[in-house]
Amino acid sequence: MFNQKVEYIDIDLTNICNARCPQCPRYDHEYRLRPGLNKNSLTVDDLVHGIDDKYWDTIKTIVHSGTTGEPTLNKQILQILEYEIAKCPNAYYVIHSNGDTYNPEWWKNLGKLLSGVKHELQFGIDGLEDTHALYRVGTDYNRIMANARAFIAGGGYALWQFIHFKHNQHQLAEAKALALKYGFSGFKPLRSTRFNYQKIVQPNGLQYLLEPSDITPEPDLDDPTHMTTGLDSRTVDIKCNSIEESTVYIYADGTVWPCTYLGGIHLFQARSVHNAIDWSIIKKHVITPYGPLPNIKDRKLSEIFSSEQWNAWTFVMNRPTRICKQQCNSCVVSREQEEFDLGYRL
C-alpha cells in the first residue's frame, strides 16, 4: 500500500480553457476538441469533503497545473486558494496560467492573496507581441503582460515560461530582458516537442507551419555561444515518483490518479498508439476488476488509498508504461520549488 501520506498534490481545477494552442492534447489531429472537456470544475466543497485533514498536514507542494484547462477559469479559484492556504500555510504553491483572463485588478488581488505564502505563478508567454499568439491562439500578449505586471505589483512571484519554436526563438534574449524590467522572478525557456510541422490556420485566416526551434538544449541566454540546461542534464533511473515522493493527482472531474502523467492517459488515449496501449494496461489492472476510478466527490482520500483498487496501481507503476518511461527516464529530480530555485531565477 502506498500514499499513506501526501507530500505533493496536483489539483486540476478545471478542464475549461480560453486558448486553442496547436498540438495541445485537448485537441485531436483535426484540431477538434476532445470529448469530455470544457465541462468540469472542482469546488471548495469537493476539497473539503474529499481530502482528509491528515493529508493537508503533510502536503509540502500544491500545484494547479492546468493539464487540460486554464486554472483561473475555475470560478472558485480564489476561495479554493484561501481554503488551501488556511490548511497549508507552509506549503509551496505553483500555478500555471496563460494569463489572459479577467483584468489587472483581479490579478493584483491574486498577487495579494498569494503574497503571504511561498509561491510562483508561471505565465505561459511564448514570444512577444508579434509572435506570442502564433502558438497561444486566442490570447492577447498585451493583456497578459498587463495582468502579469499587476500580479507582481500585488506582491506575487511570477515566472515567465517561454516555449520556443522556430518562429520565436530569436526573441528569447529580448523576452528575458523584459522579464527583468517588469519584475518577473524567473525566466524559463522550454523547447517544445509539439510541432509535427503542422500547418496552422488561425481564425483570421493566417497560415503557417509550426516548426521546432533550432536551439537545443535550452539556451543559456547570458552566453549565446554556450548551451546548457542546468536541470535537464541530470538523469535518474526510472522510478515512480508517486511511490517515492508521495504524490497524487486530482483531475477536474474529481477522479484520483497517482500522478499527472498517468492522469492524462484516459483523455488522450486516442492521441497515439502508445497512449492506447498504456490505457489498455491501466484498464486491465485498475478499472476492469474494480469499476470506475475513485473520485473525491463521493469518497475521501483515506478511503481511496486504503482500497484494493488503489493498490492495484503498484502493478502498473512497478512495470513502467511508456508514459512512465517517457516522463521519468530523464525526469527532473526535484519538484517545482527546487526547479525554480536552481535553474530559472532572475
Protein backbone atom coordinates (compact mmCIF):
# COMPACT_ATOMS: atom_id res chain seq x y z
CA MET A 1 0.00 0.00 0.00
CA PHE A 2 1.31 3.48 -0.83
CA ASN A 3 0.23 7.09 -0.30
CA GLN A 4 -0.11 6.76 3.45
CA LYS A 5 0.77 10.43 3.34
CA VAL A 6 0.69 13.07 0.59
CA GLU A 7 3.59 15.49 0.13
CA TYR A 8 2.95 16.69 -3.42
CA ILE A 9 -0.53 17.22 -4.84
CA ASP A 10 -1.51 18.42 -8.30
CA ILE A 11 -5.13 19.55 -8.46
CA ASP A 12 -6.53 20.26 -11.93
CA LEU A 13 -9.11 22.88 -11.05
CA THR A 14 -10.93 22.86 -14.40
CA ASN A 15 -10.81 21.47 -17.91
CA ILE A 16 -12.15 24.70 -19.38
CA CYS A 17 -9.69 26.79 -21.41
CA ASN A 18 -9.81 30.06 -23.33
CA ALA A 19 -6.84 29.25 -25.60
CA ARG A 20 -6.56 26.94 -28.62
CA CYS A 21 -2.87 26.03 -28.68
CA PRO A 22 -1.90 23.85 -31.67
CA GLN A 23 -0.81 20.35 -30.69
CA CYS A 24 -2.33 20.75 -27.23
CA PRO A 25 -3.65 17.35 -26.09
CA ARG A 26 -7.07 18.99 -25.70
CA TYR A 27 -7.46 18.70 -29.47
CA ASP A 28 -7.35 15.79 -31.89
CA HIS A 29 -5.34 15.69 -35.11
CA GLU A 30 -8.05 17.64 -36.93
CA TYR A 31 -7.99 20.38 -34.27
CA ARG A 32 -11.32 19.33 -32.78
CA LEU A 33 -11.91 19.50 -29.04
CA ARG A 34 -11.75 16.06 -27.46
CA PRO A 35 -14.92 14.71 -25.79
CA GLY A 36 -15.33 15.36 -22.09
CA LEU A 37 -13.55 18.72 -21.97
CA ASN A 38 -14.85 22.22 -21.20
CA LYS A 39 -17.38 20.98 -18.67
CA ASN A 40 -15.72 20.10 -15.34
CA SER A 41 -14.52 22.25 -12.44
CA LEU A 42 -13.76 21.35 -8.84
CA THR A 43 -15.30 23.26 -5.95
CA VAL A 44 -14.23 24.18 -2.45
CA ASP A 45 -16.72 21.63 -1.13
CA ASP A 46 -15.05 18.91 -3.20
CA LEU A 47 -11.74 19.59 -1.44
CA VAL A 48 -13.35 19.97 2.00
CA HIS A 49 -15.18 16.65 1.78
CA GLY A 50 -12.66 14.73 -0.32
CA ILE A 51 -9.27 15.48 1.26
CA ASP A 52 -8.84 14.39 4.89
CA ASP A 53 -7.19 16.80 7.31
CA LYS A 54 -4.33 14.40 7.93
CA TYR A 55 -3.21 14.78 4.32
CA TRP A 56 -3.27 18.57 4.44
CA ASP A 57 -0.90 18.27 7.38
CA THR A 58 1.79 16.54 5.27
CA ILE A 59 1.48 18.38 1.95
CA LYS A 60 4.60 20.35 1.01
CA THR A 61 3.72 21.38 -2.56
CA ILE A 62 0.35 22.25 -4.09
CA VAL A 63 0.22 22.60 -7.88
CA HIS A 64 -2.58 23.81 -10.11
CA SER A 65 -1.00 22.81 -13.40
CA GLY A 66 -3.78 23.24 -15.89
CA THR A 67 -3.13 19.92 -17.61
CA THR A 68 -6.37 20.21 -19.57
CA GLY A 69 -7.59 23.69 -18.73
CA GLU A 70 -6.82 27.20 -17.53
CA PRO A 71 -6.85 27.13 -13.68
CA THR A 72 -8.04 30.72 -13.27
CA LEU A 73 -11.24 29.91 -15.19
CA ASN A 74 -12.43 27.93 -12.19
CA LYS A 75 -14.92 30.42 -10.77
CA GLN A 76 -13.99 29.45 -7.21
CA ILE A 77 -10.22 29.63 -7.59
CA LEU A 78 -9.79 32.45 -5.06
CA GLN A 79 -11.93 30.65 -2.48
CA ILE A 80 -10.07 27.40 -3.17
CA LEU A 81 -6.71 29.09 -2.67
CA GLU A 82 -7.92 30.72 0.54
CA TYR A 83 -9.00 27.31 1.83
CA GLU A 84 -5.72 25.66 0.82
CA ILE A 85 -3.63 28.42 2.40
CA ALA A 86 -5.59 28.12 5.64
CA LYS A 87 -4.95 24.37 5.63
CA CYS A 88 -1.34 24.52 4.39
CA PRO A 89 0.23 27.90 5.21
CA ASN A 90 3.74 26.49 4.83
CA ALA A 91 3.25 24.69 1.51
CA TYR A 92 4.77 25.85 -1.76
CA TYR A 93 2.11 26.89 -4.28
CA VAL A 94 2.58 26.62 -8.05
CA ILE A 95 0.02 27.80 -10.61
CA HIS A 96 0.36 27.57 -14.39
CA SER A 97 -1.62 30.09 -16.42
CA ASN A 98 -1.83 31.67 -19.85
CA GLY A 99 -2.60 34.92 -18.02
CA ASP A 100 -5.32 36.08 -20.42
CA THR A 101 -8.30 36.02 -18.07
CA TYR A 102 -10.13 38.75 -16.14
CA ASN A 103 -8.43 42.13 -15.70
CA PRO A 104 -5.37 43.65 -13.96
CA GLU A 105 -7.31 44.39 -10.78
CA TRP A 106 -8.27 40.73 -10.41
CA TRP A 107 -4.67 39.67 -10.95
CA LYS A 108 -3.42 42.23 -8.45
CA ASN A 109 -5.78 40.74 -5.85
CA LEU A 110 -4.47 37.27 -6.67
CA GLY A 111 -0.94 38.54 -6.06
CA LYS A 112 -2.01 39.92 -2.70
CA LEU A 113 -3.65 36.62 -1.75
CA LEU A 114 -0.51 34.63 -2.54
CA SER A 115 1.96 37.16 -1.14
CA GLY A 116 1.79 35.62 2.31
CA VAL A 117 2.93 32.15 1.20
CA LYS A 118 5.78 30.65 -0.82
CA HIS A 119 4.61 30.50 -4.39
CA GLU A 120 5.24 31.01 -8.06
CA LEU A 121 2.83 31.65 -10.90
CA GLN A 122 4.14 30.52 -14.27
CA PHE A 123 2.83 32.69 -17.09
CA GLY A 124 2.94 30.98 -20.49
CA ILE A 125 4.18 33.80 -22.72
CA ASP A 126 5.64 32.31 -25.89
CA GLY A 127 7.15 35.26 -27.68
CA LEU A 128 6.50 38.97 -27.93
CA GLU A 129 3.57 40.94 -29.32
CA ASP A 130 4.06 39.75 -32.91
CA THR A 131 4.66 36.04 -32.19
CA HIS A 132 3.05 35.05 -28.90
CA ALA A 133 -0.40 34.25 -30.31
CA LEU A 134 1.01 32.11 -33.12
CA TYR A 135 1.09 29.29 -30.61
CA ARG A 136 -1.13 30.62 -27.82
CA VAL A 137 -4.03 31.01 -30.24
CA GLY A 138 -6.86 33.14 -28.91
CA THR A 139 -4.81 35.00 -26.29
CA ASP A 140 -3.55 38.57 -26.33
CA TYR A 141 0.06 39.45 -25.45
CA ASN A 142 -0.67 42.97 -24.20
CA ARG A 143 -3.50 41.84 -21.91
CA ILE A 144 -1.29 39.11 -20.48
CA MET A 145 1.58 41.48 -19.81
CA ALA A 146 -0.77 43.94 -18.08
CA ASN A 147 -2.16 41.13 -15.92
CA ALA A 148 1.29 39.76 -15.09
CA ARG A 149 2.58 43.19 -14.07
CA ALA A 150 -0.50 43.72 -11.89
CA PHE A 151 0.07 40.33 -10.25
CA ILE A 152 3.66 41.31 -9.49
CA ALA A 153 2.53 44.71 -8.17
CA GLY A 154 0.19 42.91 -5.78
CA GLY A 155 3.11 41.00 -4.27
CA GLY A 156 3.08 37.93 -6.50
CA TYR A 157 6.14 36.00 -7.70
CA ALA A 158 5.83 35.48 -11.45
CA LEU A 159 7.88 33.26 -13.73
CA TRP A 160 7.90 33.86 -17.49
CA GLN A 161 7.76 30.47 -19.23
CA PHE A 162 8.73 30.82 -22.89
CA ILE A 163 8.17 27.85 -25.22
CA HIS A 164 10.44 28.46 -28.17
CA PHE A 165 9.78 27.37 -31.72
CA LYS A 166 11.46 28.39 -34.95
CA HIS A 167 9.16 31.40 -35.28
CA ASN A 168 10.03 32.94 -31.87
CA GLN A 169 13.50 31.64 -30.92
CA HIS A 170 15.11 34.92 -31.99
CA GLN A 171 13.19 36.75 -29.24
CA LEU A 172 14.48 34.83 -26.23
CA ALA A 173 17.07 37.38 -25.15
CA GLU A 174 14.68 40.31 -25.56
CA ALA A 175 11.98 38.48 -23.61
CA LYS A 176 14.36 37.76 -20.76
CA ALA A 177 15.33 41.45 -20.66
CA LEU A 178 11.63 42.38 -20.44
CA ALA A 179 11.13 39.84 -17.66
CA LEU A 180 13.86 41.56 -15.67
CA LYS A 181 12.46 45.00 -16.47
CA TYR A 182 8.92 44.15 -15.38
CA GLY A 183 9.87 42.37 -12.17
CA PHE A 184 9.42 38.71 -13.04
CA SER A 185 11.22 36.49 -10.55
CA GLY A 186 12.30 33.96 -13.17
CA PHE A 187 12.56 33.25 -16.88
CA LYS A 188 12.20 29.68 -18.12
CA PRO A 189 12.81 28.81 -21.79
CA LEU A 190 11.44 25.47 -22.95
CA ARG A 191 11.87 23.70 -26.26
CA SER A 192 8.59 22.18 -27.39
CA THR A 193 8.03 18.79 -28.96
CA ARG A 194 4.60 19.92 -30.10
CA PHE A 195 5.19 20.75 -33.71
CA ASN A 196 5.00 17.84 -36.22
CA TYR A 197 5.49 20.50 -38.89
CA GLN A 198 1.76 21.03 -38.61
CA LYS A 199 0.15 23.63 -40.84
CA ILE A 200 -1.71 26.07 -38.61
CA VAL A 201 -4.72 28.05 -39.79
CA GLN A 202 -5.66 30.87 -37.44
CA PRO A 203 -9.25 32.16 -37.11
CA ASN A 204 -8.20 35.26 -39.08
CA GLY A 205 -7.03 33.07 -41.98
CA LEU A 206 -3.29 33.36 -41.25
CA GLN A 207 -1.49 30.15 -42.22
CA TYR A 208 1.98 28.99 -41.18
CA LEU A 209 3.99 25.93 -40.23
CA LEU A 210 4.65 25.18 -36.57
CA GLU A 211 8.30 24.12 -36.65
CA PRO A 212 10.78 23.15 -33.91
CA SER A 213 13.33 25.54 -32.54
CA ASP A 214 16.88 25.25 -33.85
CA ILE A 215 18.13 25.75 -30.30
CA THR A 216 18.81 22.59 -28.33
CA PRO A 217 19.21 22.05 -25.47
CA GLU A 218 17.85 25.03 -23.53
CA PRO A 219 19.83 28.22 -24.19
CA ASP A 220 21.99 29.97 -21.63
CA LEU A 221 20.87 33.46 -22.56
CA ASP A 222 23.81 35.11 -20.83
CA ASP A 223 26.25 33.27 -23.09
CA PRO A 224 24.94 32.71 -26.63
CA THR A 225 27.96 30.53 -27.51
CA HIS A 226 27.25 28.00 -24.77
CA MET A 227 24.18 25.87 -24.39
CA THR A 228 23.19 24.43 -21.03
CA THR A 229 20.03 23.28 -19.36
CA GLY A 230 21.03 23.12 -15.73
CA LEU A 231 18.39 20.66 -14.63
CA ASP A 232 17.78 18.85 -17.90
CA SER A 233 21.27 17.38 -17.91
CA ARG A 234 20.56 15.44 -14.72
CA THR A 235 19.08 11.99 -15.22
CA VAL A 236 17.99 9.32 -12.83
CA ASP A 237 16.98 5.69 -13.07
CA ILE A 238 13.30 5.18 -13.74
CA LYS A 239 11.38 5.13 -10.51
CA CYS A 240 7.86 6.09 -9.66
CA ASN A 241 7.68 9.50 -8.01
CA SER A 242 4.19 8.73 -6.77
CA ILE A 243 5.62 5.91 -4.68
CA GLU A 244 8.95 7.57 -3.84
CA GLU A 245 7.66 11.07 -3.12
CA SER A 246 4.03 10.55 -2.11
CA THR A 247 2.35 12.35 -4.99
CA VAL A 248 -1.26 12.40 -6.08
CA TYR A 249 -3.14 14.00 -8.98
CA ILE A 250 -6.79 15.03 -8.83
CA TYR A 251 -8.39 15.66 -12.21
CA ALA A 252 -11.04 18.33 -12.81
CA ASP A 253 -13.86 15.78 -12.61
CA GLY A 254 -12.65 14.62 -9.19
CA THR A 255 -11.01 11.35 -10.24
CA VAL A 256 -7.83 10.49 -8.36
CA TRP A 257 -4.62 9.29 -10.01
CA PRO A 258 -1.10 8.54 -8.75
CA CYS A 259 0.43 11.26 -10.94
CA THR A 260 -0.36 13.89 -13.56
CA TYR A 261 1.08 11.91 -16.46
CA LEU A 262 -0.98 8.79 -15.83
CA GLY A 263 -3.98 11.04 -15.26
CA GLY A 264 -3.89 12.29 -18.83
CA ILE A 265 -3.93 8.87 -20.41
CA HIS A 266 -7.70 8.39 -20.18
CA LEU A 267 -8.32 11.62 -22.09
CA PHE A 268 -5.58 11.27 -24.66
CA GLN A 269 -5.66 7.53 -25.36
CA ALA A 270 -6.59 8.23 -28.98
CA ARG A 271 -3.66 10.59 -29.48
CA SER A 272 -1.21 7.78 -30.26
CA VAL A 273 -0.88 4.00 -30.38
CA HIS A 274 1.40 4.21 -27.33
CA ASN A 275 -1.22 6.07 -25.30
CA ALA A 276 -3.81 3.48 -26.29
CA ILE A 277 -1.52 0.67 -25.14
CA ASP A 278 -0.86 2.42 -21.81
CA TRP A 279 -4.60 2.92 -21.32
CA SER A 280 -5.28 -0.75 -22.02
CA ILE A 281 -2.80 -1.70 -19.28
CA ILE A 282 -4.48 0.66 -16.81
CA LYS A 283 -7.94 -0.65 -17.70
CA LYS A 284 -6.84 -4.26 -17.34
CA HIS A 285 -5.31 -3.89 -13.88
CA VAL A 286 -7.05 -0.90 -12.27
CA ILE A 287 -10.51 -0.42 -13.80
CA THR A 288 -11.91 -3.70 -15.16
CA PRO A 289 -11.50 -5.66 -11.90
CA TYR A 290 -12.78 -2.86 -9.63
CA GLY A 291 -15.03 -0.48 -11.54
CA PRO A 292 -14.78 3.28 -12.28
CA LEU A 293 -11.82 5.22 -10.96
CA PRO A 294 -12.24 6.63 -7.43
CA ASN A 295 -13.50 10.18 -7.09
CA ILE A 296 -13.18 12.70 -4.25
CA LYS A 297 -16.75 13.80 -4.95
CA ASP A 298 -18.01 10.61 -3.31
CA ARG A 299 -15.04 9.16 -1.36
CA LYS A 300 -12.37 10.59 0.91
CA LEU A 301 -8.71 10.14 0.04
CA SER A 302 -8.22 7.93 3.09
CA GLU A 303 -10.86 5.54 1.80
CA ILE A 304 -9.43 5.65 -1.72
CA PHE A 305 -5.85 4.99 -0.56
CA SER A 306 -6.89 2.00 1.54
CA SER A 307 -8.79 0.33 -1.31
CA GLU A 308 -7.66 -2.68 -3.31
CA GLN A 309 -8.20 -0.67 -6.47
CA TRP A 310 -5.66 1.96 -5.43
CA ASN A 311 -3.13 -0.68 -4.51
CA ALA A 312 -3.57 -2.16 -7.99
CA TRP A 313 -1.71 0.88 -9.36
CA THR A 314 1.50 -0.56 -7.95
CA PHE A 315 1.39 -3.26 -10.61
CA VAL A 316 1.25 -0.61 -13.33
CA MET A 317 3.95 1.57 -11.81
CA ASN A 318 6.36 -1.24 -10.96
CA ARG A 319 6.21 -2.31 -14.60
CA PRO A 320 6.52 1.15 -16.15
CA THR A 321 4.23 2.07 -19.04
CA ARG A 322 5.58 4.05 -21.95
CA ILE A 323 4.37 7.30 -20.38
CA CYS A 324 6.32 6.42 -17.22
CA LYS A 325 9.47 5.76 -19.22
CA GLN A 326 8.96 8.88 -21.30
CA GLN A 327 8.39 11.21 -18.37
CA CYS A 328 10.63 9.68 -15.70
CA ASN A 329 13.55 8.24 -17.65
CA SER A 330 15.33 11.58 -17.58
CA CYS A 331 12.88 13.46 -15.44
CA VAL A 332 13.65 16.40 -13.25
CA VAL A 333 14.63 15.01 -9.89
CA SER A 334 13.11 17.82 -7.93
CA ARG A 335 9.72 19.34 -7.53
CA GLU A 336 8.66 22.76 -8.73
CA GLN A 337 10.29 24.78 -5.96
CA GLU A 338 13.70 23.23 -6.47
CA GLU A 339 13.37 23.65 -10.23
CA PHE A 340 12.59 27.33 -9.77
CA ASP A 341 15.45 27.85 -7.32
CA LEU A 342 18.10 26.03 -9.32
CA GLY A 343 17.54 26.96 -12.90
CA TYR A 344 15.46 29.98 -13.70
CA ARG A 345 15.70 32.77 -11.16
CA LEU A 346 16.45 36.25 -12.46
